[in-house]
mmCIF file of all heavy atoms, coordinates in Angstrom:
data_MODEL
# 
_entry.id   MODEL 
# 
loop_
_atom_site.group_PDB 
_atom_site.id 
_atom_site.type_symbol 
_atom_site.label_atom_id 
_atom_site.label_alt_id 
_atom_site.label_comp_id 
_atom_site.label_asym_id 
_atom_site.label_entity_id 
_atom_site.label_seq_id 
_atom_site.pdbx_PDB_ins_code 
_atom_site.Cartn_x 
_atom_site.Cartn_y 
_atom_site.Cartn_z 
_atom_site.occupancy 
_atom_site.B_iso_or_equiv 
_atom_site.pdbx_formal_charge 
_atom_site.auth_seq_id 
_atom_site.auth_comp_id 
_atom_site.auth_asym_id 
_atom_site.auth_atom_id 
_atom_site.pdbx_PDB_model_num 
ATOM 1   N N   . THR A 1 1  ? -12.983 0.191   8.462   1.00 0.00 ? 1  THR A N   1 
ATOM 2   C CA  . THR A 1 1  ? -13.054 -1.137  8.003   1.00 0.00 ? 1  THR A CA  1 
ATOM 3   C C   . THR A 1 1  ? -12.531 -1.168  6.550   1.00 0.00 ? 1  THR A C   1 
ATOM 4   O O   . THR A 1 1  ? -12.448 -0.081  5.935   1.00 0.00 ? 1  THR A O   1 
ATOM 5   C CB  . THR A 1 1  ? -14.489 -1.726  7.996   1.00 0.00 ? 1  THR A CB  1 
ATOM 6   O OG1 . THR A 1 1  ? -15.296 -0.923  7.161   1.00 0.00 ? 1  THR A OG1 1 
ATOM 7   C CG2 . THR A 1 1  ? -15.044 -1.771  9.383   1.00 0.00 ? 1  THR A CG2 1 
ATOM 8   N N   . ILE A 1 2  ? -12.191 -2.281  6.076   1.00 0.00 ? 2  ILE A N   1 
ATOM 9   C CA  . ILE A 1 2  ? -11.718 -2.433  4.661   1.00 0.00 ? 2  ILE A CA  1 
ATOM 10  C C   . ILE A 1 2  ? -12.687 -3.371  3.999   1.00 0.00 ? 2  ILE A C   1 
ATOM 11  O O   . ILE A 1 2  ? -12.935 -4.452  4.490   1.00 0.00 ? 2  ILE A O   1 
ATOM 12  C CB  . ILE A 1 2  ? -10.267 -2.898  4.570   1.00 0.00 ? 2  ILE A CB  1 
ATOM 13  C CG1 . ILE A 1 2  ? -9.319  -1.862  5.196   1.00 0.00 ? 2  ILE A CG1 1 
ATOM 14  C CG2 . ILE A 1 2  ? -9.969  -3.147  3.116   1.00 0.00 ? 2  ILE A CG2 1 
ATOM 15  C CD1 . ILE A 1 2  ? -7.865  -2.317  5.195   1.00 0.00 ? 2  ILE A CD1 1 
ATOM 16  N N   . GLY A 1 3  ? -13.249 -2.931  2.874   1.00 0.00 ? 3  GLY A N   1 
ATOM 17  C CA  . GLY A 1 3  ? -14.120 -3.782  2.070   1.00 0.00 ? 3  GLY A CA  1 
ATOM 18  C C   . GLY A 1 3  ? -13.738 -3.735  0.631   1.00 0.00 ? 3  GLY A C   1 
ATOM 19  O O   . GLY A 1 3  ? -13.430 -2.674  0.062   1.00 0.00 ? 3  GLY A O   1 
ATOM 20  N N   . SER A 1 4  ? -13.715 -4.870  -0.021  1.00 0.00 ? 4  SER A N   1 
ATOM 21  C CA  . SER A 1 4  ? -13.351 -4.954  -1.433  1.00 0.00 ? 4  SER A CA  1 
ATOM 22  C C   . SER A 1 4  ? -14.523 -4.763  -2.356  1.00 0.00 ? 4  SER A C   1 
ATOM 23  O O   . SER A 1 4  ? -14.315 -4.587  -3.533  1.00 0.00 ? 4  SER A O   1 
ATOM 24  C CB  . SER A 1 4  ? -12.610 -6.278  -1.772  1.00 0.00 ? 4  SER A CB  1 
ATOM 25  O OG  . SER A 1 4  ? -13.400 -7.366  -1.442  1.00 0.00 ? 4  SER A OG  1 
ATOM 26  N N   . ASP A 1 5  ? -15.759 -4.770  -1.830  1.00 0.00 ? 5  ASP A N   1 
ATOM 27  C CA  . ASP A 1 5  ? -16.960 -4.497  -2.614  1.00 0.00 ? 5  ASP A CA  1 
ATOM 28  C C   . ASP A 1 5  ? -16.920 -5.411  -3.871  1.00 0.00 ? 5  ASP A C   1 
ATOM 29  O O   . ASP A 1 5  ? -17.241 -5.021  -4.972  1.00 0.00 ? 5  ASP A O   1 
ATOM 30  C CB  . ASP A 1 5  ? -17.022 -3.090  -3.021  1.00 0.00 ? 5  ASP A CB  1 
ATOM 31  C CG  . ASP A 1 5  ? -18.408 -2.598  -3.353  1.00 0.00 ? 5  ASP A CG  1 
ATOM 32  O OD1 . ASP A 1 5  ? -19.332 -3.399  -3.265  1.00 0.00 ? 5  ASP A OD1 1 
ATOM 33  O OD2 . ASP A 1 5  ? -18.591 -1.422  -3.684  1.00 0.00 ? 5  ASP A OD2 1 
ATOM 34  N N   . ALA A 1 6  ? -16.541 -6.690  -3.669  1.00 0.00 ? 6  ALA A N   1 
ATOM 35  C CA  . ALA A 1 6  ? -16.348 -7.585  -4.760  1.00 0.00 ? 6  ALA A CA  1 
ATOM 36  C C   . ALA A 1 6  ? -17.700 -8.108  -5.222  1.00 0.00 ? 6  ALA A C   1 
ATOM 37  O O   . ALA A 1 6  ? -18.510 -8.660  -4.437  1.00 0.00 ? 6  ALA A O   1 
ATOM 38  C CB  . ALA A 1 6  ? -15.499 -8.799  -4.336  1.00 0.00 ? 6  ALA A CB  1 
ATOM 39  N N   . HIS A 1 7  ? -17.943 -7.925  -6.458  1.00 0.00 ? 7  HIS A N   1 
ATOM 40  C CA  . HIS A 1 7  ? -19.176 -8.500  -7.089  1.00 0.00 ? 7  HIS A CA  1 
ATOM 41  C C   . HIS A 1 7  ? -18.870 -9.786  -7.861  1.00 0.00 ? 7  HIS A C   1 
ATOM 42  O O   . HIS A 1 7  ? -19.760 -10.391 -8.349  1.00 0.00 ? 7  HIS A O   1 
ATOM 43  C CB  . HIS A 1 7  ? -19.849 -7.426  -7.964  1.00 0.00 ? 7  HIS A CB  1 
ATOM 44  C CG  . HIS A 1 7  ? -20.439 -6.334  -7.164  1.00 0.00 ? 7  HIS A CG  1 
ATOM 45  N ND1 . HIS A 1 7  ? -21.674 -5.787  -7.466  1.00 0.00 ? 7  HIS A ND1 1 
ATOM 46  C CD2 . HIS A 1 7  ? -19.989 -5.648  -6.094  1.00 0.00 ? 7  HIS A CD2 1 
ATOM 47  C CE1 . HIS A 1 7  ? -21.955 -4.791  -6.588  1.00 0.00 ? 7  HIS A CE1 1 
ATOM 48  N NE2 . HIS A 1 7  ? -20.954 -4.705  -5.746  1.00 0.00 ? 7  HIS A NE2 1 
ATOM 49  N N   . VAL A 1 8  ? -17.594 -10.073 -7.959  1.00 0.00 ? 8  VAL A N   1 
ATOM 50  C CA  . VAL A 1 8  ? -17.095 -11.321 -8.581  1.00 0.00 ? 8  VAL A CA  1 
ATOM 51  C C   . VAL A 1 8  ? -16.019 -11.899 -7.726  1.00 0.00 ? 8  VAL A C   1 
ATOM 52  O O   . VAL A 1 8  ? -15.323 -11.173 -7.013  1.00 0.00 ? 8  VAL A O   1 
ATOM 53  C CB  . VAL A 1 8  ? -16.573 -11.062 -10.010 1.00 0.00 ? 8  VAL A CB  1 
ATOM 54  C CG1 . VAL A 1 8  ? -17.717 -10.566 -10.910 1.00 0.00 ? 8  VAL A CG1 1 
ATOM 55  C CG2 . VAL A 1 8  ? -15.451 -10.068 -10.050 1.00 0.00 ? 8  VAL A CG2 1 
ATOM 56  N N   . PRO A 1 9  ? -15.839 -13.228 -7.746  1.00 0.00 ? 9  PRO A N   1 
ATOM 57  C CA  . PRO A 1 9  ? -14.795 -13.814 -6.905  1.00 0.00 ? 9  PRO A CA  1 
ATOM 58  C C   . PRO A 1 9  ? -13.427 -13.188 -7.067  1.00 0.00 ? 9  PRO A C   1 
ATOM 59  O O   . PRO A 1 9  ? -12.701 -13.027 -6.044  1.00 0.00 ? 9  PRO A O   1 
ATOM 60  C CB  . PRO A 1 9  ? -14.807 -15.329 -7.315  1.00 0.00 ? 9  PRO A CB  1 
ATOM 61  C CG  . PRO A 1 9  ? -16.204 -15.498 -7.838  1.00 0.00 ? 9  PRO A CG  1 
ATOM 62  C CD  . PRO A 1 9  ? -16.629 -14.200 -8.503  1.00 0.00 ? 9  PRO A CD  1 
ATOM 63  N N   . ALA A 1 10 ? -13.016 -12.840 -8.249  1.00 0.00 ? 10 ALA A N   1 
ATOM 64  C CA  . ALA A 1 10 ? -11.698 -12.301 -8.496  1.00 0.00 ? 10 ALA A CA  1 
ATOM 65  C C   . ALA A 1 10 ? -11.494 -10.978 -7.757  1.00 0.00 ? 10 ALA A C   1 
ATOM 66  O O   . ALA A 1 10 ? -10.311 -10.550 -7.541  1.00 0.00 ? 10 ALA A O   1 
ATOM 67  C CB  . ALA A 1 10 ? -11.406 -12.124 -9.949  1.00 0.00 ? 10 ALA A CB  1 
ATOM 68  N N   . GLY A 1 11 ? -12.526 -10.298 -7.386  1.00 0.00 ? 11 GLY A N   1 
ATOM 69  C CA  . GLY A 1 11 ? -12.449 -9.020  -6.737  1.00 0.00 ? 11 GLY A CA  1 
ATOM 70  C C   . GLY A 1 11 ? -12.247 -9.071  -5.225  1.00 0.00 ? 11 GLY A C   1 
ATOM 71  O O   . GLY A 1 11 ? -11.918 -8.061  -4.599  1.00 0.00 ? 11 GLY A O   1 
ATOM 72  N N   . VAL A 1 12 ? -12.402 -10.236 -4.636  1.00 0.00 ? 12 VAL A N   1 
ATOM 73  C CA  . VAL A 1 12 ? -12.239 -10.386 -3.211  1.00 0.00 ? 12 VAL A CA  1 
ATOM 74  C C   . VAL A 1 12 ? -10.787 -10.083 -2.805  1.00 0.00 ? 12 VAL A C   1 
ATOM 75  O O   . VAL A 1 12 ? -9.863  -10.652 -3.275  1.00 0.00 ? 12 VAL A O   1 
ATOM 76  C CB  . VAL A 1 12 ? -12.673 -11.798 -2.709  1.00 0.00 ? 12 VAL A CB  1 
ATOM 77  C CG1 . VAL A 1 12 ? -12.378 -11.943 -1.244  1.00 0.00 ? 12 VAL A CG1 1 
ATOM 78  C CG2 . VAL A 1 12 ? -14.141 -12.055 -3.029  1.00 0.00 ? 12 VAL A CG2 1 
ATOM 79  N N   . GLY A 1 13 ? -10.657 -9.161  -1.882  1.00 0.00 ? 13 GLY A N   1 
ATOM 80  C CA  . GLY A 1 13 ? -9.306  -8.786  -1.385  1.00 0.00 ? 13 GLY A CA  1 
ATOM 81  C C   . GLY A 1 13 ? -8.519  -7.851  -2.294  1.00 0.00 ? 13 GLY A C   1 
ATOM 82  O O   . GLY A 1 13 ? -7.419  -7.506  -1.962  1.00 0.00 ? 13 GLY A O   1 
ATOM 83  N N   . ARG A 1 14 ? -9.083  -7.462  -3.433  1.00 0.00 ? 14 ARG A N   1 
ATOM 84  C CA  . ARG A 1 14 ? -8.370  -6.599  -4.412  1.00 0.00 ? 14 ARG A CA  1 
ATOM 85  C C   . ARG A 1 14 ? -8.003  -5.267  -3.669  1.00 0.00 ? 14 ARG A C   1 
ATOM 86  O O   . ARG A 1 14 ? -8.780  -4.652  -3.050  1.00 0.00 ? 14 ARG A O   1 
ATOM 87  C CB  . ARG A 1 14 ? -9.262  -6.348  -5.595  1.00 0.00 ? 14 ARG A CB  1 
ATOM 88  C CG  . ARG A 1 14 ? -8.635  -5.456  -6.614  1.00 0.00 ? 14 ARG A CG  1 
ATOM 89  C CD  . ARG A 1 14 ? -9.528  -5.186  -7.823  1.00 0.00 ? 14 ARG A CD  1 
ATOM 90  N NE  . ARG A 1 14 ? -10.981 -5.141  -7.409  1.00 0.00 ? 14 ARG A NE  1 
ATOM 91  C CZ  . ARG A 1 14 ? -11.978 -5.527  -8.189  1.00 0.00 ? 14 ARG A CZ  1 
ATOM 92  N NH1 . ARG A 1 14 ? -11.741 -6.015  -9.411  1.00 0.00 ? 14 ARG A NH1 1 
ATOM 93  N NH2 . ARG A 1 14 ? -13.190 -5.368  -7.771  1.00 0.00 ? 14 ARG A NH2 1 
ATOM 94  N N   . ASN A 1 15 ? -6.774  -4.855  -3.874  1.00 0.00 ? 15 ASN A N   1 
ATOM 95  C CA  . ASN A 1 15 ? -6.265  -3.577  -3.377  1.00 0.00 ? 15 ASN A CA  1 
ATOM 96  C C   . ASN A 1 15 ? -6.235  -3.511  -1.866  1.00 0.00 ? 15 ASN A C   1 
ATOM 97  O O   . ASN A 1 15 ? -6.168  -2.342  -1.336  1.00 0.00 ? 15 ASN A O   1 
ATOM 98  C CB  . ASN A 1 15 ? -7.013  -2.363  -3.974  1.00 0.00 ? 15 ASN A CB  1 
ATOM 99  C CG  . ASN A 1 15 ? -6.929  -2.316  -5.462  1.00 0.00 ? 15 ASN A CG  1 
ATOM 100 O OD1 . ASN A 1 15 ? -5.852  -2.563  -6.029  1.00 0.00 ? 15 ASN A OD1 1 
ATOM 101 N ND2 . ASN A 1 15 ? -8.031  -2.010  -6.146  1.00 0.00 ? 15 ASN A ND2 1 
ATOM 102 N N   . TYR A 1 16 ? -6.248  -4.614  -1.214  1.00 0.00 ? 16 TYR A N   1 
ATOM 103 C CA  . TYR A 1 16 ? -6.271  -4.605  0.236   1.00 0.00 ? 16 TYR A CA  1 
ATOM 104 C C   . TYR A 1 16 ? -4.965  -3.928  0.774   1.00 0.00 ? 16 TYR A C   1 
ATOM 105 O O   . TYR A 1 16 ? -5.064  -3.159  1.784   1.00 0.00 ? 16 TYR A O   1 
ATOM 106 C CB  . TYR A 1 16 ? -6.383  -6.049  0.819   1.00 0.00 ? 16 TYR A CB  1 
ATOM 107 C CG  . TYR A 1 16 ? -6.560  -6.087  2.280   1.00 0.00 ? 16 TYR A CG  1 
ATOM 108 C CD1 . TYR A 1 16 ? -7.800  -5.868  2.883   1.00 0.00 ? 16 TYR A CD1 1 
ATOM 109 C CD2 . TYR A 1 16 ? -5.449  -6.297  3.142   1.00 0.00 ? 16 TYR A CD2 1 
ATOM 110 C CE1 . TYR A 1 16 ? -7.944  -5.944  4.273   1.00 0.00 ? 16 TYR A CE1 1 
ATOM 111 C CE2 . TYR A 1 16 ? -5.591  -6.321  4.530   1.00 0.00 ? 16 TYR A CE2 1 
ATOM 112 C CZ  . TYR A 1 16 ? -6.845  -6.124  5.092   1.00 0.00 ? 16 TYR A CZ  1 
ATOM 113 O OH  . TYR A 1 16 ? -6.992  -6.143  6.445   1.00 0.00 ? 16 TYR A OH  1 
ATOM 114 N N   . ASP A 1 17 ? -3.838  -4.178  0.178   1.00 0.00 ? 17 ASP A N   1 
ATOM 115 C CA  . ASP A 1 17 ? -2.618  -3.592  0.660   1.00 0.00 ? 17 ASP A CA  1 
ATOM 116 C C   . ASP A 1 17 ? -2.640  -2.061  0.518   1.00 0.00 ? 17 ASP A C   1 
ATOM 117 O O   . ASP A 1 17 ? -2.150  -1.380  1.409   1.00 0.00 ? 17 ASP A O   1 
ATOM 118 C CB  . ASP A 1 17 ? -1.399  -4.171  -0.144  1.00 0.00 ? 17 ASP A CB  1 
ATOM 119 C CG  . ASP A 1 17 ? -1.076  -5.594  0.218   1.00 0.00 ? 17 ASP A CG  1 
ATOM 120 O OD1 . ASP A 1 17 ? -1.568  -6.047  1.269   1.00 0.00 ? 17 ASP A OD1 1 
ATOM 121 O OD2 . ASP A 1 17 ? -0.380  -6.269  -0.568  1.00 0.00 ? 17 ASP A OD2 1 
ATOM 122 N N   . ARG A 1 18 ? -3.257  -1.561  -0.567  1.00 0.00 ? 18 ARG A N   1 
ATOM 123 C CA  . ARG A 1 18 ? -3.364  -0.073  -0.718  1.00 0.00 ? 18 ARG A CA  1 
ATOM 124 C C   . ARG A 1 18 ? -4.290  0.468   0.383   1.00 0.00 ? 18 ARG A C   1 
ATOM 125 O O   . ARG A 1 18 ? -4.009  1.573   0.898   1.00 0.00 ? 18 ARG A O   1 
ATOM 126 C CB  . ARG A 1 18 ? -3.882  0.269   -2.063  1.00 0.00 ? 18 ARG A CB  1 
ATOM 127 C CG  . ARG A 1 18 ? -2.908  0.009   -3.170  1.00 0.00 ? 18 ARG A CG  1 
ATOM 128 C CD  . ARG A 1 18 ? -3.392  0.472   -4.539  1.00 0.00 ? 18 ARG A CD  1 
ATOM 129 N NE  . ARG A 1 18 ? -2.358  0.201   -5.508  1.00 0.00 ? 18 ARG A NE  1 
ATOM 130 C CZ  . ARG A 1 18 ? -2.534  0.290   -6.813  1.00 0.00 ? 18 ARG A CZ  1 
ATOM 131 N NH1 . ARG A 1 18 ? -3.687  0.677   -7.262  1.00 0.00 ? 18 ARG A NH1 1 
ATOM 132 N NH2 . ARG A 1 18 ? -1.540  0.019   -7.570  1.00 0.00 ? 18 ARG A NH2 1 
ATOM 133 N N   . ALA A 1 19 ? -5.262  -0.224  0.747   1.00 0.00 ? 19 ALA A N   1 
ATOM 134 C CA  . ALA A 1 19 ? -6.216  0.252   1.785   1.00 0.00 ? 19 ALA A CA  1 
ATOM 135 C C   . ALA A 1 19 ? -5.453  0.268   3.130   1.00 0.00 ? 19 ALA A C   1 
ATOM 136 O O   . ALA A 1 19 ? -5.574  1.228   3.917   1.00 0.00 ? 19 ALA A O   1 
ATOM 137 C CB  . ALA A 1 19 ? -7.412  -0.625  1.892   1.00 0.00 ? 19 ALA A CB  1 
ATOM 138 N N   . ARG A 1 20 ? -4.686  -0.731  3.398   1.00 0.00 ? 20 ARG A N   1 
ATOM 139 C CA  . ARG A 1 20 ? -3.882  -0.744  4.648   1.00 0.00 ? 20 ARG A CA  1 
ATOM 140 C C   . ARG A 1 20 ? -2.874  0.397   4.667   1.00 0.00 ? 20 ARG A C   1 
ATOM 141 O O   . ARG A 1 20 ? -2.711  1.030   5.734   1.00 0.00 ? 20 ARG A O   1 
ATOM 142 C CB  . ARG A 1 20 ? -3.111  -2.090  4.759   1.00 0.00 ? 20 ARG A CB  1 
ATOM 143 C CG  . ARG A 1 20 ? -4.013  -3.237  5.164   1.00 0.00 ? 20 ARG A CG  1 
ATOM 144 C CD  . ARG A 1 20 ? -3.198  -4.526  5.209   1.00 0.00 ? 20 ARG A CD  1 
ATOM 145 N NE  . ARG A 1 20 ? -2.129  -4.304  6.076   1.00 0.00 ? 20 ARG A NE  1 
ATOM 146 C CZ  . ARG A 1 20 ? -1.817  -5.130  7.093   1.00 0.00 ? 20 ARG A CZ  1 
ATOM 147 N NH1 . ARG A 1 20 ? -2.515  -6.191  7.322   1.00 0.00 ? 20 ARG A NH1 1 
ATOM 148 N NH2 . ARG A 1 20 ? -0.771  -4.887  7.857   1.00 0.00 ? 20 ARG A NH2 1 
ATOM 149 N N   . GLU A 1 21 ? -2.222  0.660   3.519   1.00 0.00 ? 21 GLU A N   1 
ATOM 150 C CA  . GLU A 1 21 ? -1.331  1.812   3.444   1.00 0.00 ? 21 GLU A CA  1 
ATOM 151 C C   . GLU A 1 21 ? -2.040  3.126   3.708   1.00 0.00 ? 21 GLU A C   1 
ATOM 152 O O   . GLU A 1 21 ? -1.493  4.004   4.436   1.00 0.00 ? 21 GLU A O   1 
ATOM 153 C CB  . GLU A 1 21 ? -0.643  1.837   2.138   1.00 0.00 ? 21 GLU A CB  1 
ATOM 154 C CG  . GLU A 1 21 ? 0.340   0.739   1.887   1.00 0.00 ? 21 GLU A CG  1 
ATOM 155 C CD  . GLU A 1 21 ? 0.843   0.655   0.431   1.00 0.00 ? 21 GLU A CD  1 
ATOM 156 O OE1 . GLU A 1 21 ? 0.695   1.672   -0.296  1.00 0.00 ? 21 GLU A OE1 1 
ATOM 157 O OE2 . GLU A 1 21 ? 1.340   -0.412  0.024   1.00 0.00 ? 21 GLU A OE2 1 
ATOM 158 N N   . LEU A 1 22 ? -3.241  3.246   3.169   1.00 0.00 ? 22 LEU A N   1 
ATOM 159 C CA  . LEU A 1 22 ? -4.016  4.484   3.345   1.00 0.00 ? 22 LEU A CA  1 
ATOM 160 C C   . LEU A 1 22 ? -4.370  4.648   4.828   1.00 0.00 ? 22 LEU A C   1 
ATOM 161 O O   . LEU A 1 22 ? -4.265  5.762   5.388   1.00 0.00 ? 22 LEU A O   1 
ATOM 162 C CB  . LEU A 1 22 ? -5.271  4.407   2.472   1.00 0.00 ? 22 LEU A CB  1 
ATOM 163 C CG  . LEU A 1 22 ? -6.146  5.653   2.326   1.00 0.00 ? 22 LEU A CG  1 
ATOM 164 C CD1 . LEU A 1 22 ? -5.354  6.813   1.717   1.00 0.00 ? 22 LEU A CD1 1 
ATOM 165 C CD2 . LEU A 1 22 ? -7.365  5.333   1.452   1.00 0.00 ? 22 LEU A CD2 1 
ATOM 166 N N   . ALA A 1 23 ? -4.810  3.569   5.478   1.00 0.00 ? 23 ALA A N   1 
ATOM 167 C CA  . ALA A 1 23 ? -5.148  3.653   6.910   1.00 0.00 ? 23 ALA A CA  1 
ATOM 168 C C   . ALA A 1 23 ? -3.883  4.025   7.709   1.00 0.00 ? 23 ALA A C   1 
ATOM 169 O O   . ALA A 1 23 ? -3.951  4.897   8.579   1.00 0.00 ? 23 ALA A O   1 
ATOM 170 C CB  . ALA A 1 23 ? -5.670  2.300   7.361   1.00 0.00 ? 23 ALA A CB  1 
ATOM 171 N N   . ARG A 1 24 ? -2.809  3.362   7.388   1.00 0.00 ? 24 ARG A N   1 
ATOM 172 C CA  . ARG A 1 24 ? -1.541  3.662   8.115   1.00 0.00 ? 24 ARG A CA  1 
ATOM 173 C C   . ARG A 1 24 ? -1.084  5.094   7.931   1.00 0.00 ? 24 ARG A C   1 
ATOM 174 O O   . ARG A 1 24 ? -0.635  5.710   8.856   1.00 0.00 ? 24 ARG A O   1 
ATOM 175 C CB  . ARG A 1 24 ? -0.518  2.677   7.673   1.00 0.00 ? 24 ARG A CB  1 
ATOM 176 C CG  . ARG A 1 24 ? 0.680   2.522   8.636   1.00 0.00 ? 24 ARG A CG  1 
ATOM 177 C CD  . ARG A 1 24 ? 1.651   1.420   8.182   1.00 0.00 ? 24 ARG A CD  1 
ATOM 178 N NE  . ARG A 1 24 ? 1.022   0.084   8.139   1.00 0.00 ? 24 ARG A NE  1 
ATOM 179 C CZ  . ARG A 1 24 ? 1.016   -0.679  7.050   1.00 0.00 ? 24 ARG A CZ  1 
ATOM 180 N NH1 . ARG A 1 24 ? 1.605   -0.318  5.959   1.00 0.00 ? 24 ARG A NH1 1 
ATOM 181 N NH2 . ARG A 1 24 ? 0.458   -1.863  7.105   1.00 0.00 ? 24 ARG A NH2 1 
ATOM 182 N N   . ALA A 1 25 ? -1.239  5.588   6.712   1.00 0.00 ? 25 ALA A N   1 
ATOM 183 C CA  . ALA A 1 25 ? -0.828  6.986   6.382   1.00 0.00 ? 25 ALA A CA  1 
ATOM 184 C C   . ALA A 1 25 ? -1.528  7.984   7.291   1.00 0.00 ? 25 ALA A C   1 
ATOM 185 O O   . ALA A 1 25 ? -0.898  9.037   7.608   1.00 0.00 ? 25 ALA A O   1 
ATOM 186 C CB  . ALA A 1 25 ? -1.042  7.275   4.952   1.00 0.00 ? 25 ALA A CB  1 
ATOM 187 N N   . PHE A 1 26 ? -2.721  7.736   7.704   1.00 0.00 ? 26 PHE A N   1 
ATOM 188 C CA  . PHE A 1 26 ? -3.463  8.690   8.492   1.00 0.00 ? 26 PHE A CA  1 
ATOM 189 C C   . PHE A 1 26 ? -3.714  8.179   9.922   1.00 0.00 ? 26 PHE A C   1 
ATOM 190 O O   . PHE A 1 26 ? -4.582  8.710   10.623  1.00 0.00 ? 26 PHE A O   1 
ATOM 191 C CB  . PHE A 1 26 ? -4.760  9.046   7.765   1.00 0.00 ? 26 PHE A CB  1 
ATOM 192 C CG  . PHE A 1 26 ? -4.539  9.668   6.466   1.00 0.00 ? 26 PHE A CG  1 
ATOM 193 C CD1 . PHE A 1 26 ? -4.972  9.011   5.291   1.00 0.00 ? 26 PHE A CD1 1 
ATOM 194 C CD2 . PHE A 1 26 ? -3.800  10.835  6.302   1.00 0.00 ? 26 PHE A CD2 1 
ATOM 195 C CE1 . PHE A 1 26 ? -4.638  9.558   3.995   1.00 0.00 ? 26 PHE A CE1 1 
ATOM 196 C CE2 . PHE A 1 26 ? -3.500  11.364  5.087   1.00 0.00 ? 26 PHE A CE2 1 
ATOM 197 C CZ  . PHE A 1 26 ? -3.924  10.753  3.943   1.00 0.00 ? 26 PHE A CZ  1 
ATOM 198 N N   . ASP A 1 27 ? -2.965  7.229   10.345  1.00 0.00 ? 27 ASP A N   1 
ATOM 199 C CA  . ASP A 1 27 ? -3.008  6.669   11.685  1.00 0.00 ? 27 ASP A CA  1 
ATOM 200 C C   . ASP A 1 27 ? -4.414  6.221   12.048  1.00 0.00 ? 27 ASP A C   1 
ATOM 201 O O   . ASP A 1 27 ? -4.934  6.570   13.161  1.00 0.00 ? 27 ASP A O   1 
ATOM 202 C CB  . ASP A 1 27 ? -2.498  7.745   12.692  1.00 0.00 ? 27 ASP A CB  1 
ATOM 203 C CG  . ASP A 1 27 ? -2.197  7.156   14.041  1.00 0.00 ? 27 ASP A CG  1 
ATOM 204 O OD1 . ASP A 1 27 ? -1.879  5.995   14.113  1.00 0.00 ? 27 ASP A OD1 1 
ATOM 205 O OD2 . ASP A 1 27 ? -2.337  7.919   15.083  1.00 0.00 ? 27 ASP A OD2 1 
ATOM 206 N N   . LEU A 1 28 ? -5.066  5.498   11.119  1.00 0.00 ? 28 LEU A N   1 
ATOM 207 C CA  . LEU A 1 28 ? -6.392  4.991   11.389  1.00 0.00 ? 28 LEU A CA  1 
ATOM 208 C C   . LEU A 1 28 ? -6.285  3.477   11.697  1.00 0.00 ? 28 LEU A C   1 
ATOM 209 O O   . LEU A 1 28 ? -5.483  2.768   11.019  1.00 0.00 ? 28 LEU A O   1 
ATOM 210 C CB  . LEU A 1 28 ? -7.286  5.194   10.148  1.00 0.00 ? 28 LEU A CB  1 
ATOM 211 C CG  . LEU A 1 28 ? -7.540  6.686   9.881   1.00 0.00 ? 28 LEU A CG  1 
ATOM 212 C CD1 . LEU A 1 28 ? -8.135  6.852   8.427   1.00 0.00 ? 28 LEU A CD1 1 
ATOM 213 C CD2 . LEU A 1 28 ? -8.476  7.273   10.951  1.00 0.00 ? 28 LEU A CD2 1 
ATOM 214 N N   . THR A 1 29 ? -7.017  2.973   12.651  1.00 0.00 ? 29 THR A N   1 
ATOM 215 C CA  . THR A 1 29 ? -6.924  1.617   13.058  1.00 0.00 ? 29 THR A CA  1 
ATOM 216 C C   . THR A 1 29 ? -7.982  0.799   12.294  1.00 0.00 ? 29 THR A C   1 
ATOM 217 O O   . THR A 1 29 ? -9.138  1.163   12.265  1.00 0.00 ? 29 THR A O   1 
ATOM 218 C CB  . THR A 1 29 ? -7.200  1.524   14.601  1.00 0.00 ? 29 THR A CB  1 
ATOM 219 O OG1 . THR A 1 29 ? -6.239  2.309   15.264  1.00 0.00 ? 29 THR A OG1 1 
ATOM 220 C CG2 . THR A 1 29 ? -7.175  0.079   15.069  1.00 0.00 ? 29 THR A CG2 1 
ATOM 221 N N   . ILE A 1 30 ? -7.545  -0.285  11.713  1.00 0.00 ? 30 ILE A N   1 
ATOM 222 C CA  . ILE A 1 30 ? -8.443  -1.191  10.931  1.00 0.00 ? 30 ILE A CA  1 
ATOM 223 C C   . ILE A 1 30 ? -9.170  -2.082  11.929  1.00 0.00 ? 30 ILE A C   1 
ATOM 224 O O   . ILE A 1 30 ? -8.497  -2.718  12.785  1.00 0.00 ? 30 ILE A O   1 
ATOM 225 C CB  . ILE A 1 30 ? -7.668  -1.999  9.910   1.00 0.00 ? 30 ILE A CB  1 
ATOM 226 C CG1 . ILE A 1 30 ? -6.923  -1.081  8.929   1.00 0.00 ? 30 ILE A CG1 1 
ATOM 227 C CG2 . ILE A 1 30 ? -8.552  -2.975  9.158   1.00 0.00 ? 30 ILE A CG2 1 
ATOM 228 C CD1 . ILE A 1 30 ? -5.887  -1.753  8.105   1.00 0.00 ? 30 ILE A CD1 1 
# 
């Protein structure tokens, strides 16, 4: 799963693209 662990509104979705790349790099399904 991908979670931004946002404690403030500006943090929602932060670095989501990097997380997707990380999952893709190791053939992990989100």
